[in-house]
Full PDB file with SEQRES, HELIX, SHEET, SSBOND, CRYST1, ORIGX, SCALE, CONECT and MASTER records, all heavy atoms in Angstrom:
SEQRES   1 A   35  GLU HIS VAL ASP GLU LEU ARG MET ARG GLY VAL THR SER          
SEQRES   2 A   35  ASP SER PHE GLN ALA ALA ALA ALA LYS MET ALA THR ASP          
SEQRES   3 A   35  GLY ALA GLY THR ARG PHE ASP ARG ALA                          
HELIX    1 AA1 HIS A    2  MET A    8  1                                   7    
HELIX    2 AA2 SER A   13  GLY A   27  1                                  15    
CRYST1    1.000    1.000    1.000  90.00  90.00  90.00 P 1           1          
ORIGX1      1.000000  0.000000  0.000000        0.00000                         
ORIGX2      0.000000  1.000000  0.000000        0.00000                         
ORIGX3      0.000000  0.000000  1.000000        0.00000                         
SCALE1      1.000000  0.000000  0.000000        0.00000                         
SCALE2      0.000000  1.000000  0.000000        0.00000                         
SCALE3      0.000000  0.000000  1.000000        0.00000                         
ATOM      1  N   GLU A   1     115.634  97.774  90.246  1.00  0.00           N  
ATOM      2  CA  GLU A   1     115.625  97.079  91.537  1.00  0.00           C  
ATOM      3  C   GLU A   1     114.245  96.679  91.954  1.00  0.00           C  
ATOM      4  O   GLU A   1     114.031  95.498  92.370  1.00  0.00           O  
ATOM      5  CB  GLU A   1     116.218  97.874  92.594  1.00  0.00           C  
ATOM      6  CG  GLU A   1     116.323  97.257  93.938  1.00  0.00           C  
ATOM      7  CD  GLU A   1     116.912  98.057  95.063  1.00  0.00           C  
ATOM      8  OE1 GLU A   1     116.416  99.217  95.241  1.00  0.00           O  
ATOM      9  OE2 GLU A   1     117.783  97.612  95.727  1.00  0.00           O  
ATOM     10  N   HIS A   2     113.281  97.525  91.732  1.00  0.00           N  
ATOM     11  CA  HIS A   2     111.887  97.142  92.061  1.00  0.00           C  
ATOM     12  C   HIS A   2     111.375  96.085  91.250  1.00  0.00           C  
ATOM     13  O   HIS A   2     110.636  95.175  91.689  1.00  0.00           O  
ATOM     14  CB  HIS A   2     110.988  98.424  91.999  1.00  0.00           C  
ATOM     15  CG  HIS A   2     111.068  99.290  93.245  1.00  0.00           C  
ATOM     16  ND1 HIS A   2     112.118 100.186  93.427  1.00  0.00           N  
ATOM     17  CD2 HIS A   2     110.319  99.396  94.318  1.00  0.00           C  
ATOM     18  CE1 HIS A   2     111.983 100.786  94.520  1.00  0.00           C  
ATOM     19  NE2 HIS A   2     110.908 100.341  95.150  1.00  0.00           N  
ATOM     20  N   VAL A   3     111.683  96.056  89.926  1.00  0.00           N  
ATOM     21  CA  VAL A   3     111.269  95.062  89.033  1.00  0.00           C  
ATOM     22  C   VAL A   3     111.917  93.710  89.453  1.00  0.00           C  
ATOM     23  O   VAL A   3     111.265  92.680  89.539  1.00  0.00           O  
ATOM     24  CB  VAL A   3     111.628  95.336  87.533  1.00  0.00           C  
ATOM     25  CG1 VAL A   3     111.494  94.190  86.653  1.00  0.00           C  
ATOM     26  CG2 VAL A   3     110.808  96.534  87.050  1.00  0.00           C  
ATOM     27  N   ASP A   4     113.195  93.763  89.810  1.00  0.00           N  
ATOM     28  CA  ASP A   4     113.971  92.521  90.245  1.00  0.00           C  
ATOM     29  C   ASP A   4     113.272  92.025  91.506  1.00  0.00           C  
ATOM     30  O   ASP A   4     113.268  90.807  91.696  1.00  0.00           O  
ATOM     31  CB  ASP A   4     115.377  92.905  90.426  1.00  0.00           C  
ATOM     32  CG  ASP A   4     116.231  91.616  90.650  1.00  0.00           C  
ATOM     33  OD1 ASP A   4     116.050  90.668  89.870  1.00  0.00           O  
ATOM     34  OD2 ASP A   4     117.037  91.599  91.585  1.00  0.00           O  
ATOM     35  N   GLU A   5     112.861  92.846  92.461  1.00  0.00           N  
ATOM     36  CA  GLU A   5     112.188  92.386  93.681  1.00  0.00           C  
ATOM     37  C   GLU A   5     110.972  91.572  93.424  1.00  0.00           C  
ATOM     38  O   GLU A   5     110.658  90.712  94.147  1.00  0.00           O  
ATOM     39  CB  GLU A   5     111.884  93.614  94.536  1.00  0.00           C  
ATOM     40  CG  GLU A   5     113.141  94.158  95.191  1.00  0.00           C  
ATOM     41  CD  GLU A   5     112.868  95.438  96.066  1.00  0.00           C  
ATOM     42  OE1 GLU A   5     111.665  95.861  96.164  1.00  0.00           O  
ATOM     43  OE2 GLU A   5     113.816  95.971  96.564  1.00  0.00           O  
ATOM     44  N   LEU A   6     110.268  91.934  92.309  1.00  0.00           N  
ATOM     45  CA  LEU A   6     109.096  91.064  91.970  1.00  0.00           C  
ATOM     46  C   LEU A   6     109.513  89.608  91.715  1.00  0.00           C  
ATOM     47  O   LEU A   6     108.822  88.741  92.183  1.00  0.00           O  
ATOM     48  CB  LEU A   6     108.373  91.627  90.711  1.00  0.00           C  
ATOM     49  CG  LEU A   6     107.640  92.909  90.860  1.00  0.00           C  
ATOM     50  CD1 LEU A   6     107.093  93.368  89.501  1.00  0.00           C  
ATOM     51  CD2 LEU A   6     106.507  92.812  91.799  1.00  0.00           C  
ATOM     52  N   ARG A   7     110.625  89.450  90.994  1.00  0.00           N  
ATOM     53  CA  ARG A   7     111.151  88.082  90.710  1.00  0.00           C  
ATOM     54  C   ARG A   7     111.535  87.397  92.043  1.00  0.00           C  
ATOM     55  O   ARG A   7     111.233  86.254  92.243  1.00  0.00           O  
ATOM     56  CB  ARG A   7     112.271  88.121  89.800  1.00  0.00           C  
ATOM     57  CG  ARG A   7     111.926  88.403  88.396  1.00  0.00           C  
ATOM     58  CD  ARG A   7     112.827  87.677  87.432  1.00  0.00           C  
ATOM     59  NE  ARG A   7     112.630  88.183  86.065  1.00  0.00           N  
ATOM     60  CZ  ARG A   7     111.789  87.650  85.212  1.00  0.00           C  
ATOM     61  NH1 ARG A   7     111.012  86.565  85.642  1.00  0.00           N  
ATOM     62  NH2 ARG A   7     111.652  88.048  84.053  1.00  0.00           N  
ATOM     63  N   MET A   8     112.262  88.197  92.859  1.00  0.00           N  
ATOM     64  CA  MET A   8     112.701  87.599  94.119  1.00  0.00           C  
ATOM     65  C   MET A   8     111.516  87.224  95.067  1.00  0.00           C  
ATOM     66  O   MET A   8     111.636  86.321  95.891  1.00  0.00           O  
ATOM     67  CB  MET A   8     113.615  88.543  94.884  1.00  0.00           C  
ATOM     68  CG  MET A   8     114.964  88.754  94.170  1.00  0.00           C  
ATOM     69  SD  MET A   8     116.189  89.683  95.107  1.00  0.00           S  
ATOM     70  CE  MET A   8     115.375  91.187  95.392  1.00  0.00           C  
ATOM     71  N   ARG A   9     110.375  87.919  94.927  1.00  0.00           N  
ATOM     72  CA  ARG A   9     109.195  87.547  95.705  1.00  0.00           C  
ATOM     73  C   ARG A   9     108.461  86.405  95.144  1.00  0.00           C  
ATOM     74  O   ARG A   9     107.432  85.944  95.614  1.00  0.00           O  
ATOM     75  CB  ARG A   9     108.318  88.758  95.803  1.00  0.00           C  
ATOM     76  CG  ARG A   9     108.772  89.751  96.886  1.00  0.00           C  
ATOM     77  CD  ARG A   9     107.721  90.837  97.072  1.00  0.00           C  
ATOM     78  NE  ARG A   9     108.166  92.066  96.541  1.00  0.00           N  
ATOM     79  CZ  ARG A   9     107.431  92.965  95.923  1.00  0.00           C  
ATOM     80  NH1 ARG A   9     106.172  92.769  95.760  1.00  0.00           N  
ATOM     81  NH2 ARG A   9     107.933  94.071  95.406  1.00  0.00           N  
ATOM     82  N   GLY A  10     108.938  85.886  93.993  1.00  0.00           N  
ATOM     83  CA  GLY A  10     108.300  84.674  93.405  1.00  0.00           C  
ATOM     84  C   GLY A  10     107.177  84.940  92.399  1.00  0.00           C  
ATOM     85  O   GLY A  10     106.407  84.049  92.123  1.00  0.00           O  
ATOM     86  N   VAL A  11     107.084  86.182  91.912  1.00  0.00           N  
ATOM     87  CA  VAL A  11     106.081  86.369  90.881  1.00  0.00           C  
ATOM     88  C   VAL A  11     106.435  85.513  89.633  1.00  0.00           C  
ATOM     89  O   VAL A  11     107.578  85.563  89.195  1.00  0.00           O  
ATOM     90  CB  VAL A  11     106.012  87.852  90.462  1.00  0.00           C  
ATOM     91  CG1 VAL A  11     105.061  88.108  89.264  1.00  0.00           C  
ATOM     92  CG2 VAL A  11     105.677  88.720  91.642  1.00  0.00           C  
ATOM     93  N   THR A  12     105.522  84.677  89.249  1.00  0.00           N  
ATOM     94  CA  THR A  12     105.807  83.714  88.155  1.00  0.00           C  
ATOM     95  C   THR A  12     105.944  84.383  86.821  1.00  0.00           C  
ATOM     96  O   THR A  12     105.495  85.530  86.588  1.00  0.00           O  
ATOM     97  CB  THR A  12     104.726  82.683  88.095  1.00  0.00           C  
ATOM     98  OG1 THR A  12     103.446  83.326  87.698  1.00  0.00           O  
ATOM     99  CG2 THR A  12     104.549  82.019  89.417  1.00  0.00           C  
ATOM    100  N   SER A  13     106.616  83.753  85.891  1.00  0.00           N  
ATOM    101  CA  SER A  13     106.784  84.292  84.564  1.00  0.00           C  
ATOM    102  C   SER A  13     105.489  84.552  83.878  1.00  0.00           C  
ATOM    103  O   SER A  13     105.433  85.450  82.974  1.00  0.00           O  
ATOM    104  CB  SER A  13     107.727  83.367  83.762  1.00  0.00           C  
ATOM    105  OG  SER A  13     107.165  82.060  83.637  1.00  0.00           O  
ATOM    106  N   ASP A  14     104.461  83.814  84.178  1.00  0.00           N  
ATOM    107  CA  ASP A  14     103.131  83.938  83.537  1.00  0.00           C  
ATOM    108  C   ASP A  14     102.613  85.375  83.840  1.00  0.00           C  
ATOM    109  O   ASP A  14     101.909  85.996  83.062  1.00  0.00           O  
ATOM    110  CB  ASP A  14     102.205  82.896  83.934  1.00  0.00           C  
ATOM    111  CG  ASP A  14     102.558  81.529  83.461  1.00  0.00           C  
ATOM    112  OD1 ASP A  14     103.332  81.469  82.467  1.00  0.00           O  
ATOM    113  OD2 ASP A  14     102.093  80.533  84.012  1.00  0.00           O  
ATOM    114  N   SER A  15     102.779  85.792  85.068  1.00  0.00           N  
ATOM    115  CA  SER A  15     102.211  87.053  85.523  1.00  0.00           C  
ATOM    116  C   SER A  15     103.201  88.223  85.686  1.00  0.00           C  
ATOM    117  O   SER A  15     102.877  89.336  86.020  1.00  0.00           O  
ATOM    118  CB  SER A  15     101.518  86.905  86.789  1.00  0.00           C  
ATOM    119  OG  SER A  15     102.303  86.447  87.800  1.00  0.00           O  
ATOM    120  N   PHE A  16     104.499  87.861  85.469  1.00  0.00           N  
ATOM    121  CA  PHE A  16     105.575  88.815  85.732  1.00  0.00           C  
ATOM    122  C   PHE A  16     105.460  90.090  84.993  1.00  0.00           C  
ATOM    123  O   PHE A  16     105.514  91.233  85.547  1.00  0.00           O  
ATOM    124  CB  PHE A  16     106.959  88.201  85.570  1.00  0.00           C  
ATOM    125  CG  PHE A  16     108.065  89.177  85.779  1.00  0.00           C  
ATOM    126  CD1 PHE A  16     108.484  89.556  87.048  1.00  0.00           C  
ATOM    127  CD2 PHE A  16     108.718  89.776  84.687  1.00  0.00           C  
ATOM    128  CE1 PHE A  16     109.414  90.534  87.237  1.00  0.00           C  
ATOM    129  CE2 PHE A  16     109.715  90.710  84.902  1.00  0.00           C  
ATOM    130  CZ  PHE A  16     110.103  91.067  86.206  1.00  0.00           C  
ATOM    131  N   GLN A  17     105.318  89.967  83.612  1.00  0.00           N  
ATOM    132  CA  GLN A  17     105.292  91.209  82.817  1.00  0.00           C  
ATOM    133  C   GLN A  17     104.168  92.080  83.190  1.00  0.00           C  
ATOM    134  O   GLN A  17     104.317  93.324  83.256  1.00  0.00           O  
ATOM    135  CB  GLN A  17     105.210  90.816  81.320  1.00  0.00           C  
ATOM    136  CG  GLN A  17     106.423  90.088  80.754  1.00  0.00           C  
ATOM    137  CD  GLN A  17     107.647  90.949  80.816  1.00  0.00           C  
ATOM    138  OE1 GLN A  17     107.616  92.141  80.791  1.00  0.00           O  
ATOM    139  NE2 GLN A  17     108.802  90.283  80.900  1.00  0.00           N  
ATOM    140  N   ALA A  18     102.997  91.557  83.351  1.00  0.00           N  
ATOM    141  CA  ALA A  18     101.845  92.402  83.753  1.00  0.00           C  
ATOM    142  C   ALA A  18     102.033  93.039  85.147  1.00  0.00           C  
ATOM    143  O   ALA A  18     101.755  94.199  85.306  1.00  0.00           O  
ATOM    144  CB  ALA A  18     100.581  91.551  83.761  1.00  0.00           C  
ATOM    145  N   ALA A  19     102.556  92.257  86.073  1.00  0.00           N  
ATOM    146  CA  ALA A  19     102.794  92.777  87.419  1.00  0.00           C  
ATOM    147  C   ALA A  19     103.885  93.907  87.390  1.00  0.00           C  
ATOM    148  O   ALA A  19     103.718  94.951  88.081  1.00  0.00           O  
ATOM    149  CB  ALA A  19     103.267  91.708  88.394  1.00  0.00           C  
ATOM    150  N   ALA A  20     104.988  93.691  86.656  1.00  0.00           N  
ATOM    151  CA  ALA A  20     105.966  94.771  86.530  1.00  0.00           C  
ATOM    152  C   ALA A  20     105.496  95.961  85.833  1.00  0.00           C  
ATOM    153  O   ALA A  20     105.783  97.131  86.274  1.00  0.00           O  
ATOM    154  CB  ALA A  20     107.229  94.133  85.781  1.00  0.00           C  
ATOM    155  N   ALA A  21     104.744  95.802  84.779  1.00  0.00           N  
ATOM    156  CA  ALA A  21     104.149  96.991  84.097  1.00  0.00           C  
ATOM    157  C   ALA A  21     103.227  97.740  85.042  1.00  0.00           C  
ATOM    158  O   ALA A  21     103.231  98.987  85.023  1.00  0.00           O  
ATOM    159  CB  ALA A  21     103.414  96.516  82.834  1.00  0.00           C  
ATOM    160  N   LYS A  22     102.368  97.021  85.794  1.00  0.00           N  
ATOM    161  CA  LYS A  22     101.479  97.724  86.702  1.00  0.00           C  
ATOM    162  C   LYS A  22     102.271  98.483  87.789  1.00  0.00           C  
ATOM    163  O   LYS A  22     101.917  99.626  88.130  1.00  0.00           O  
ATOM    164  CB  LYS A  22     100.493  96.727  87.331  1.00  0.00           C  
ATOM    165  CG  LYS A  22      99.535  97.360  88.294  1.00  0.00           C  
ATOM    166  CD  LYS A  22      98.494  96.439  88.807  1.00  0.00           C  
ATOM    167  CE  LYS A  22      97.455  97.016  89.803  1.00  0.00           C  
ATOM    168  NZ  LYS A  22      97.573  98.351  90.157  1.00  0.00           N  
ATOM    169  N   MET A  23     103.254  97.775  88.362  1.00  0.00           N  
ATOM    170  CA  MET A  23     104.042  98.454  89.424  1.00  0.00           C  
ATOM    171  C   MET A  23     104.702  99.666  88.842  1.00  0.00           C  
ATOM    172  O   MET A  23     104.697 100.780  89.493  1.00  0.00           O  
ATOM    173  CB  MET A  23     105.086  97.463  89.935  1.00  0.00           C  
ATOM    174  CG  MET A  23     105.885  98.108  91.118  1.00  0.00           C  
ATOM    175  SD  MET A  23     107.594  97.596  91.153  1.00  0.00           S  
ATOM    176  CE  MET A  23     108.151  97.396  89.469  1.00  0.00           C  
ATOM    177  N   ALA A  24     105.337  99.677  87.704  1.00  0.00           N  
ATOM    178  CA  ALA A  24     105.992 100.759  87.136  1.00  0.00           C  
ATOM    179  C   ALA A  24     105.001 101.854  86.809  1.00  0.00           C  
ATOM    180  O   ALA A  24     105.317 103.047  87.126  1.00  0.00           O  
ATOM    181  CB  ALA A  24     106.733 100.357  85.862  1.00  0.00           C  
ATOM    182  N   THR A  25     103.928 101.567  86.222  1.00  0.00           N  
ATOM    183  CA  THR A  25     102.909 102.565  85.884  1.00  0.00           C  
ATOM    184  C   THR A  25     102.298 103.254  87.127  1.00  0.00           C  
ATOM    185  O   THR A  25     102.137 104.420  87.174  1.00  0.00           O  
ATOM    186  CB  THR A  25     101.770 101.928  85.019  1.00  0.00           C  
ATOM    187  OG1 THR A  25     102.348 101.353  83.877  1.00  0.00           O  
ATOM    188  CG2 THR A  25     100.730 102.990  84.667  1.00  0.00           C  
ATOM    189  N   ASP A  26     101.969 102.433  88.119  1.00  0.00           N  
ATOM    190  CA  ASP A  26     101.442 102.942  89.367  1.00  0.00           C  
ATOM    191  C   ASP A  26     102.438 103.880  90.050  1.00  0.00           C  
ATOM    192  O   ASP A  26     102.027 104.828  90.773  1.00  0.00           O  
ATOM    193  CB  ASP A  26     101.079 101.845  90.365  1.00  0.00           C  
ATOM    194  CG  ASP A  26      99.877 101.058  89.912  1.00  0.00           C  
ATOM    195  OD1 ASP A  26      99.126 101.475  88.939  1.00  0.00           O  
ATOM    196  OD2 ASP A  26      99.503  99.989  90.443  1.00  0.00           O  
ATOM    197  N   GLY A  27     103.696 103.604  89.916  1.00  0.00           N  
ATOM    198  CA  GLY A  27     104.762 104.420  90.628  1.00  0.00           C  
ATOM    199  C   GLY A  27     105.294 105.568  89.796  1.00  0.00           C  
ATOM    200  O   GLY A  27     106.098 106.356  90.254  1.00  0.00           O  
ATOM    201  N   ALA A  28     104.833 105.668  88.545  1.00  0.00           N  
ATOM    202  CA  ALA A  28     105.363 106.727  87.708  1.00  0.00           C  
ATOM    203  C   ALA A  28     104.951 108.108  88.199  1.00  0.00           C  
ATOM    204  O   ALA A  28     103.812 108.387  88.515  1.00  0.00           O  
ATOM    205  CB  ALA A  28     104.794 106.563  86.238  1.00  0.00           C  
ATOM    206  N   GLY A  29     105.974 108.998  88.385  1.00  0.00           N  
ATOM    207  CA  GLY A  29     105.719 110.318  88.878  1.00  0.00           C  
ATOM    208  C   GLY A  29     105.850 110.409  90.374  1.00  0.00           C  
ATOM    209  O   GLY A  29     105.842 111.539  90.933  1.00  0.00           O  
ATOM    210  N   THR A  30     105.776 109.258  91.097  1.00  0.00           N  
ATOM    211  CA  THR A  30     106.053 109.309  92.559  1.00  0.00           C  
ATOM    212  C   THR A  30     107.298 108.676  92.888  1.00  0.00           C  
ATOM    213  O   THR A  30     108.304 109.286  93.209  1.00  0.00           O  
ATOM    214  CB  THR A  30     104.832 108.670  93.242  1.00  0.00           C  
ATOM    215  OG1 THR A  30     104.634 107.310  92.812  1.00  0.00           O  
ATOM    216  CG2 THR A  30     103.556 109.447  93.129  1.00  0.00           C  
ATOM    217  N   ARG A  31     107.341 107.331  92.776  1.00  0.00           N  
ATOM    218  CA  ARG A  31     108.590 106.600  93.012  1.00  0.00           C  
ATOM    219  C   ARG A  31     109.534 106.688  91.840  1.00  0.00           C  
ATOM    220  O   ARG A  31     110.737 106.823  92.052  1.00  0.00           O  
ATOM    221  CB  ARG A  31     108.277 105.136  93.363  1.00  0.00           C  
ATOM    222  CG  ARG A  31     107.676 104.901  94.731  1.00  0.00           C  
ATOM    223  CD  ARG A  31     107.518 103.431  94.984  1.00  0.00           C  
ATOM    224  NE  ARG A  31     106.535 102.904  94.063  1.00  0.00           N  
ATOM    225  CZ  ARG A  31     106.241 101.631  93.922  1.00  0.00           C  
ATOM    226  NH1 ARG A  31     106.866 100.672  94.588  1.00  0.00           N  
ATOM    227  NH2 ARG A  31     105.289 101.248  93.095  1.00  0.00           N  
ATOM    228  N   PHE A  32     108.941 106.537  90.652  1.00  0.00           N  
ATOM    229  CA  PHE A  32     109.793 106.416  89.470  1.00  0.00           C  
ATOM    230  C   PHE A  32     109.693 107.580  88.495  1.00  0.00           C  
ATOM    231  O   PHE A  32     108.598 108.146  88.395  1.00  0.00           O  
ATOM    232  CB  PHE A  32     109.380 105.095  88.691  1.00  0.00           C  
ATOM    233  CG  PHE A  32     109.310 103.879  89.617  1.00  0.00           C  
ATOM    234  CD1 PHE A  32     108.094 103.171  89.696  1.00  0.00           C  
ATOM    235  CD2 PHE A  32     110.350 103.497  90.401  1.00  0.00           C  
ATOM    236  CE1 PHE A  32     108.014 102.045  90.481  1.00  0.00           C  
ATOM    237  CE2 PHE A  32     110.308 102.366  91.195  1.00  0.00           C  
ATOM    238  CZ  PHE A  32     109.122 101.611  91.262  1.00  0.00           C  
ATOM    239  N   ASP A  33     110.713 107.832  87.803  1.00  0.00           N  
ATOM    240  CA  ASP A  33     110.732 108.872  86.778  1.00  0.00           C  
ATOM    241  C   ASP A  33     109.826 108.375  85.619  1.00  0.00           C  
ATOM    242  O   ASP A  33     109.949 107.272  85.118  1.00  0.00           O  
ATOM    243  CB  ASP A  33     112.173 108.972  86.243  1.00  0.00           C  
ATOM    244  CG  ASP A  33     112.347 110.046  85.223  1.00  0.00           C  
ATOM    245  OD1 ASP A  33     111.815 109.863  84.128  1.00  0.00           O  
ATOM    246  OD2 ASP A  33     113.063 111.044  85.523  1.00  0.00           O  
ATOM    247  N   ARG A  34     108.944 109.313  85.158  1.00  0.00           N  
ATOM    248  CA  ARG A  34     107.992 108.997  84.102  1.00  0.00           C  
ATOM    249  C   ARG A  34     108.680 108.520  82.796  1.00  0.00           C  
ATOM    250  O   ARG A  34     108.228 107.594  82.080  1.00  0.00           O  
ATOM    251  CB  ARG A  34     107.051 110.146  83.824  1.00  0.00           C  
ATOM    252  CG  ARG A  34     105.999 110.363  84.978  1.00  0.00           C  
ATOM    253  CD  ARG A  34     105.122 111.501  84.568  1.00  0.00           C  
ATOM    254  NE  ARG A  34     104.309 111.939  85.681  1.00  0.00           N  
ATOM    255  CZ  ARG A  34     103.256 111.319  86.210  1.00  0.00           C  
ATOM    256  NH1 ARG A  34     102.788 110.245  85.596  1.00  0.00           N  
ATOM    257  NH2 ARG A  34     102.596 111.826  87.198  1.00  0.00           N  
ATOM    258  N   ALA A  35     109.806 109.211  82.448  1.00  0.00           N  
ATOM    259  CA  ALA A  35     110.541 108.893  81.237  1.00  0.00           C  
ATOM    260  C   ALA A  35     111.211 107.494  81.398  1.00  0.00           C  
ATOM    261  O   ALA A  35     111.221 106.771  80.384  1.00  0.00           O  
ATOM    262  CB  ALA A  35     111.554 109.957  80.940  1.00  0.00           C  
TER     263      ALA A  35                                                      
MASTER        0    0    0    2    0    0    0    6  262    1    0    3          
END                                                                             
């Protein structure tokens, strides 16, 4: 859902993968399960 919200906020395909990876990594262990 959080990854999908990036798309809904208009993150472009050029920067989407990097933004999604950063969001996931930054939230690992707090918001998101590390595995």
